[in-house]
Amino acid sequence: MTAGLYPEIGWRKTIRFAKIAAMKSTAKNIVPAVPSDIAGRVDAIDWAQATGDLDAQGCAMSKGLLSRDECRALVALYPDDKHFRSRIVMGRHGFGRGEYKYFSYPLPHLIAELRPALYARLRDTANRWNEAMGIDVRYPETHEAFLKRCHAAGQTRPTPLLLQYGASDYNCLHQDLYGEHVFPLQVAILLSEPGRDFTGGEFVLTEQRPRMQSRPEVVPLAQGDAVAFAVHHRPIQGTRGFYRVNLRHGVSRIRSGHRHTLGVIFHDAK
């Protein structure tokens, strides 16, 4: 994932993942033969528990949001540049090691379904957090309406992305901010299977509270699991009301194999 307004770079061929690049893929790989039940799966999440976890820890995990076949189909898109608007090699910008690609519009069907379904369930938490932190911004009922707000401000480039890591790669702690309009929560979905496809590569979240040392949180994800987490800051109840804490996220060093992740960010970029 990214931290702020990152430069776009030209396409370049790479041999680091030659074995993966040999995989054949088209957008049809992730368009199901029958209507997708993604919205139903999102609705079936225990949102009372998830909301409690977000308030307490700044993150909430949902097991098995995507199937193994859906994960594999998304990974298979990575070598095919026609699905993406740009590719970022992290080491060139000091972001860590590894690379990622931003999808172009129209998004693959599965991601196009996930984005509004997750937004609808996270919106109340986002609005409640902003109210607690004294932030005037409120988020509209639908993701479509929020994107119109982004696009009117010049944030028109899609931000959902696929991240690819190999042995010794990692992602530095960062925040995904792309312009004036920022939805305060985002979701990452692990597409690879720990222990089979890779070792290491844990999802890490850190929280910096005023006048305190940073608190780390490691989220143990399996293939298809999703984690929702704060993009930038969140409120915490103190003795004199709410105060803001600052969060960053990243990925620890991959010890072996290859790790792929889908990042679902709800605001678009300039």
Protein backbone atom coordinates (compact mmCIF):
# COMPACT_ATOMS: atom_id res chain seq x y z
CA MET A 1 0.00 0.00 0.00
CA THR A 2 0.95 3.58 -0.15
CA ALA A 3 1.64 6.60 1.99
CA GLY A 4 0.34 9.88 0.67
CA LEU A 5 0.46 11.13 -2.88
CA TYR A 6 2.93 8.80 -4.52
CA PRO A 7 4.50 9.32 -7.91
CA GLU A 8 3.27 7.19 -10.77
CA ILE A 9 5.96 5.34 -12.69
CA GLY A 10 6.09 3.69 -16.07
CA TRP A 11 5.57 -0.01 -16.69
CA ARG A 12 8.68 -2.14 -16.52
CA LYS A 13 9.17 -5.82 -17.01
CA THR A 14 10.40 -7.80 -14.03
CA ILE A 15 11.89 -11.28 -13.71
CA ARG A 16 11.65 -11.55 -9.90
CA PHE A 17 8.23 -13.14 -10.21
CA ALA A 18 8.67 -14.89 -13.55
CA LYS A 19 6.92 -18.00 -12.31
CA ILE A 20 3.88 -15.99 -11.23
CA ALA A 21 3.94 -13.90 -14.40
CA ALA A 22 3.45 -17.04 -16.43
CA MET A 23 -0.06 -17.42 -15.03
CA LYS A 24 -2.80 -16.77 -17.56
CA SER A 25 -5.60 -14.46 -16.54
CA THR A 26 -8.44 -12.28 -17.73
CA ALA A 27 -11.03 -10.22 -15.92
CA LYS A 28 -13.47 -13.08 -16.52
CA ASN A 29 -11.54 -15.11 -13.91
CA ILE A 30 -13.27 -13.22 -11.13
CA VAL A 31 -16.69 -12.74 -12.69
CA PRO A 32 -18.73 -15.58 -11.21
CA ALA A 33 -20.96 -17.74 -13.38
CA VAL A 34 -23.84 -17.02 -10.97
CA PRO A 35 -24.60 -13.73 -9.21
CA SER A 36 -21.99 -13.10 -6.53
CA ASP A 37 -22.96 -13.33 -2.86
CA ILE A 38 -20.32 -10.81 -1.81
CA ALA A 39 -22.90 -8.38 -0.41
CA GLY A 40 -24.47 -11.24 1.54
CA ARG A 41 -21.10 -12.31 2.93
CA VAL A 42 -20.34 -8.75 4.02
CA ASP A 43 -23.76 -8.46 5.68
CA ALA A 44 -23.18 -11.78 7.46
CA ILE A 45 -20.11 -10.46 9.28
CA ASP A 46 -20.71 -9.98 13.01
CA TRP A 47 -20.66 -6.19 12.77
CA ALA A 48 -21.39 -5.67 16.45
CA GLN A 49 -18.16 -7.55 17.24
CA ALA A 50 -16.29 -5.84 14.41
CA THR A 51 -17.39 -2.38 15.57
CA GLY A 52 -16.31 -3.19 19.11
CA ASP A 53 -12.90 -4.36 17.87
CA LEU A 54 -12.45 -1.22 15.75
CA ASP A 55 -13.26 0.97 18.75
CA ALA A 56 -10.99 -1.01 21.09
CA GLN A 57 -8.04 -1.88 18.85
CA GLY A 58 -8.35 0.18 15.66
CA CYS A 59 -8.78 -2.98 13.58
CA ALA A 60 -11.23 -5.84 13.12
CA MET A 61 -10.71 -9.17 11.37
CA SER A 62 -13.26 -11.13 9.32
CA LYS A 63 -12.41 -14.74 8.54
CA GLY A 64 -12.95 -16.24 5.09
CA LEU A 65 -14.48 -13.24 3.33
CA LEU A 66 -13.14 -14.52 -0.01
CA SER A 67 -12.89 -18.12 -1.16
CA ARG A 68 -9.63 -19.78 -2.16
CA ASP A 69 -10.67 -19.71 -5.82
CA GLU A 70 -11.51 -16.00 -5.63
CA CYS A 71 -8.13 -15.30 -4.03
CA ARG A 72 -6.29 -17.26 -6.72
CA ALA A 73 -8.23 -15.51 -9.49
CA LEU A 74 -7.30 -12.09 -8.13
CA VAL A 75 -3.62 -13.07 -7.86
CA ALA A 76 -3.76 -14.32 -11.46
CA LEU A 77 -4.66 -10.80 -12.63
CA TYR A 78 -1.34 -9.36 -11.47
CA PRO A 79 0.78 -10.12 -14.58
CA ASP A 80 -1.84 -8.67 -16.97
CA ASP A 81 -1.22 -4.92 -17.19
CA LYS A 82 -4.54 -4.17 -18.88
CA HIS A 83 -6.31 -4.33 -15.51
CA PHE A 84 -4.12 -1.65 -13.90
CA ARG A 85 -3.38 2.05 -14.24
CA SER A 86 0.12 2.02 -12.74
CA ARG A 87 2.78 -0.06 -11.06
CA ILE A 88 4.90 1.05 -8.10
CA VAL A 89 8.25 -0.53 -7.20
CA MET A 90 8.48 0.21 -3.51
CA GLY A 91 12.26 0.29 -3.17
CA ARG A 92 12.56 3.24 -5.58
CA HIS A 93 10.60 5.47 -3.22
CA GLY A 94 11.74 4.24 0.20
CA PHE A 95 8.44 2.47 0.90
CA GLY A 96 10.04 -0.89 1.60
CA ARG A 97 10.61 -3.79 -0.81
CA GLY A 98 8.10 -5.35 -3.16
CA GLU A 99 5.67 -3.82 -5.62
CA TYR A 100 2.02 -3.07 -6.17
CA LYS A 101 -0.37 -2.11 -8.94
CA TYR A 102 -3.40 0.17 -8.84
CA PHE A 103 -6.47 -1.11 -10.64
CA SER A 104 -8.01 1.01 -13.37
CA TYR A 105 -11.71 1.70 -13.85
CA PRO A 106 -13.86 -0.24 -14.42
CA LEU A 107 -12.78 -2.33 -11.46
CA PRO A 108 -12.95 -6.13 -11.66
CA HIS A 109 -16.44 -7.27 -10.76
CA LEU A 110 -15.54 -8.77 -7.40
CA ILE A 111 -13.79 -5.61 -6.20
CA ALA A 112 -16.56 -3.40 -7.59
CA GLU A 113 -18.98 -5.34 -5.37
CA LEU A 114 -16.77 -5.40 -2.28
CA ARG A 115 -16.10 -1.68 -2.17
CA PRO A 116 -19.68 -0.36 -1.75
CA ALA A 117 -20.77 -3.29 0.43
CA LEU A 118 -17.94 -2.73 2.92
CA TYR A 119 -18.36 1.06 2.81
CA ALA A 120 -22.03 0.75 3.76
CA ARG A 121 -21.12 -1.24 6.86
CA LEU A 122 -18.18 0.97 7.90
CA ARG A 123 -19.85 4.34 7.30
CA ASP A 124 -21.55 4.60 10.70
CA THR A 125 -18.27 3.97 12.50
CA ALA A 126 -16.53 6.55 10.30
CA ASN A 127 -19.15 9.19 11.08
CA ARG A 128 -19.16 8.37 14.78
CA TRP A 129 -15.38 8.57 14.96
CA ASN A 130 -15.34 11.96 13.23
CA GLU A 131 -17.98 13.29 15.61
CA ALA A 132 -15.98 12.06 18.61
CA MET A 133 -12.80 13.71 17.28
CA GLY A 134 -14.54 17.01 16.51
CA ILE A 135 -14.17 16.59 12.74
CA ASP A 136 -17.06 18.15 10.80
CA VAL A 137 -16.88 15.81 7.79
CA ARG A 138 -19.69 13.28 7.48
CA TYR A 139 -19.88 10.48 4.92
CA PRO A 140 -22.94 9.95 2.68
CA GLU A 141 -25.07 6.85 2.74
CA THR A 142 -23.67 5.27 -0.42
CA HIS A 143 -20.16 4.79 -1.70
CA GLU A 144 -21.26 6.15 -5.07
CA ALA A 145 -22.17 9.45 -3.43
CA PHE A 146 -18.83 9.58 -1.61
CA LEU A 147 -16.93 8.95 -4.86
CA LYS A 148 -18.81 11.85 -6.47
CA ARG A 149 -17.45 14.05 -3.68
CA CYS A 150 -13.93 12.77 -4.35
CA HIS A 151 -14.22 13.23 -8.11
CA ALA A 152 -15.56 16.78 -7.75
CA ALA A 153 -12.36 17.61 -5.84
CA GLY A 154 -10.16 16.12 -8.58
CA GLN A 155 -9.65 12.74 -6.87
CA THR A 156 -10.61 10.59 -9.85
CA ARG A 157 -8.03 7.80 -9.93
CA PRO A 158 -9.05 4.46 -8.39
CA THR A 159 -7.10 3.31 -5.35
CA PRO A 160 -7.89 -0.44 -4.95
CA LEU A 161 -4.61 -2.28 -5.48
CA LEU A 162 -2.82 -5.60 -5.53
CA LEU A 163 0.42 -5.92 -3.59
CA GLN A 164 3.08 -8.51 -4.39
CA TYR A 165 5.98 -9.49 -2.13
CA GLY A 166 8.82 -11.99 -2.46
CA ALA A 167 11.45 -13.25 -0.05
CA SER A 168 13.00 -10.42 2.05
CA ASP A 169 10.34 -7.93 0.93
CA TYR A 170 8.43 -5.80 3.43
CA ASN A 171 6.17 -2.75 3.62
CA CYS A 172 7.20 0.19 5.80
CA LEU A 173 4.71 1.63 8.27
CA HIS A 174 2.58 4.17 6.43
CA GLN A 175 -0.85 5.76 5.91
CA ASP A 176 -2.91 5.68 2.69
CA LEU A 177 -3.78 9.33 2.13
CA TYR A 178 -4.42 10.50 -1.43
CA GLY A 179 -6.00 13.93 -1.20
CA GLU A 180 -8.39 16.17 0.72
CA HIS A 181 -11.16 13.57 0.99
CA VAL A 182 -10.20 10.53 3.05
CA PHE A 183 -12.49 7.79 4.30
CA PRO A 184 -11.05 6.92 7.73
CA LEU A 185 -11.22 3.11 7.36
CA GLN A 186 -9.88 0.68 4.80
CA VAL A 187 -9.71 -3.08 4.29
CA ALA A 188 -6.92 -5.49 3.35
CA ILE A 189 -7.57 -9.08 2.27
CA LEU A 190 -4.82 -11.68 2.27
CA LEU A 191 -4.85 -13.62 -1.02
CA SER A 192 -2.02 -16.08 -0.24
CA GLU A 193 -1.90 -18.89 2.31
CA PRO A 194 0.62 -18.48 5.17
CA GLY A 195 2.86 -21.51 5.57
CA ARG A 196 2.08 -22.79 2.08
CA ASP A 197 2.69 -19.77 -0.20
CA PHE A 198 4.94 -17.76 2.11
CA THR A 199 6.36 -17.47 5.62
CA GLY A 200 6.74 -14.29 7.65
CA GLY A 201 4.91 -11.29 6.22
CA GLU A 202 2.62 -10.46 9.15
CA PHE A 203 0.21 -7.54 8.95
CA VAL A 204 1.34 -4.97 11.54
CA LEU A 205 -0.52 -1.96 12.93
CA THR A 206 1.02 0.61 15.26
CA GLU A 207 -0.79 3.20 17.35
CA GLN A 208 0.87 6.31 18.74
CA ARG A 209 -0.90 7.84 21.73
CA PRO A 210 0.05 11.30 23.04
CA ARG A 211 3.03 11.21 25.41
CA MET A 212 3.15 7.41 25.23
CA GLN A 213 5.24 4.86 23.34
CA SER A 214 3.73 3.22 20.25
CA ARG A 215 1.50 0.17 20.69
CA PRO A 216 1.93 -2.62 18.08
CA GLU A 217 -0.82 -4.96 16.91
CA VAL A 218 -0.10 -8.04 14.75
CA VAL A 219 -3.14 -9.45 12.93
CA PRO A 220 -2.89 -13.21 12.12
CA LEU A 221 -4.55 -13.52 8.71
CA ALA A 222 -5.23 -16.68 6.69
CA GLN A 223 -6.02 -16.83 2.97
CA GLY A 224 -9.28 -15.00 2.28
CA ASP A 225 -9.36 -13.23 5.65
CA ALA A 226 -10.02 -9.50 5.74
CA VAL A 227 -8.92 -6.86 8.21
CA ALA A 228 -10.60 -3.46 8.49
CA PHE A 229 -8.46 -0.79 10.13
CA ALA A 230 -8.04 2.93 10.65
CA VAL A 231 -6.37 4.82 7.81
CA HIS A 232 -4.96 7.73 9.79
CA HIS A 233 -6.37 8.30 13.27
CA ARG A 234 -9.18 7.20 15.56
CA PRO A 235 -10.74 8.42 18.81
CA ILE A 236 -9.99 7.01 22.25
CA GLN A 237 -11.99 7.79 25.37
CA GLY A 238 -9.89 9.55 27.99
CA THR A 239 -10.66 11.00 31.41
CA ARG A 240 -11.50 14.36 29.82
CA GLY A 241 -13.31 13.15 26.74
CA PHE A 242 -12.07 11.75 23.45
CA TYR A 243 -8.61 12.30 22.01
CA ARG A 244 -7.02 11.27 18.71
CA VAL A 245 -4.40 8.59 18.25
CA ASN A 246 -2.32 8.20 15.12
CA LEU A 247 -2.07 4.83 13.33
CA ARG A 248 0.20 3.36 10.68
CA HIS A 249 0.24 -0.07 9.10
CA GLY A 250 2.74 -2.23 7.25
CA VAL A 251 3.93 -5.77 6.57
CA SER A 252 6.86 -7.49 8.26
CA ARG A 253 9.63 -9.17 6.26
CA ILE A 254 8.64 -12.11 4.09
CA ARG A 255 10.97 -14.99 5.01
CA SER A 256 10.19 -17.18 2.00
CA GLY A 257 7.76 -17.56 -0.89
CA HIS A 258 5.38 -14.98 -2.33
CA ARG A 259 2.63 -12.99 -0.62
CA HIS A 260 -0.26 -11.18 -2.36
CA THR A 261 -2.78 -8.83 -0.80
CA LEU A 262 -5.82 -6.92 -2.04
CA GLY A 263 -6.13 -3.40 -0.67
CA VAL A 264 -9.63 -1.87 -0.66
CA ILE A 265 -9.39 1.89 -0.14
CA PHE A 266 -12.63 3.83 -0.35
CA HIS A 267 -11.43 7.30 -1.42
CA ASP A 268 -9.95 7.87 -4.85
CA ALA A 269 -6.68 9.68 -5.56
CA LYS A 270 -5.66 12.88 -7.32
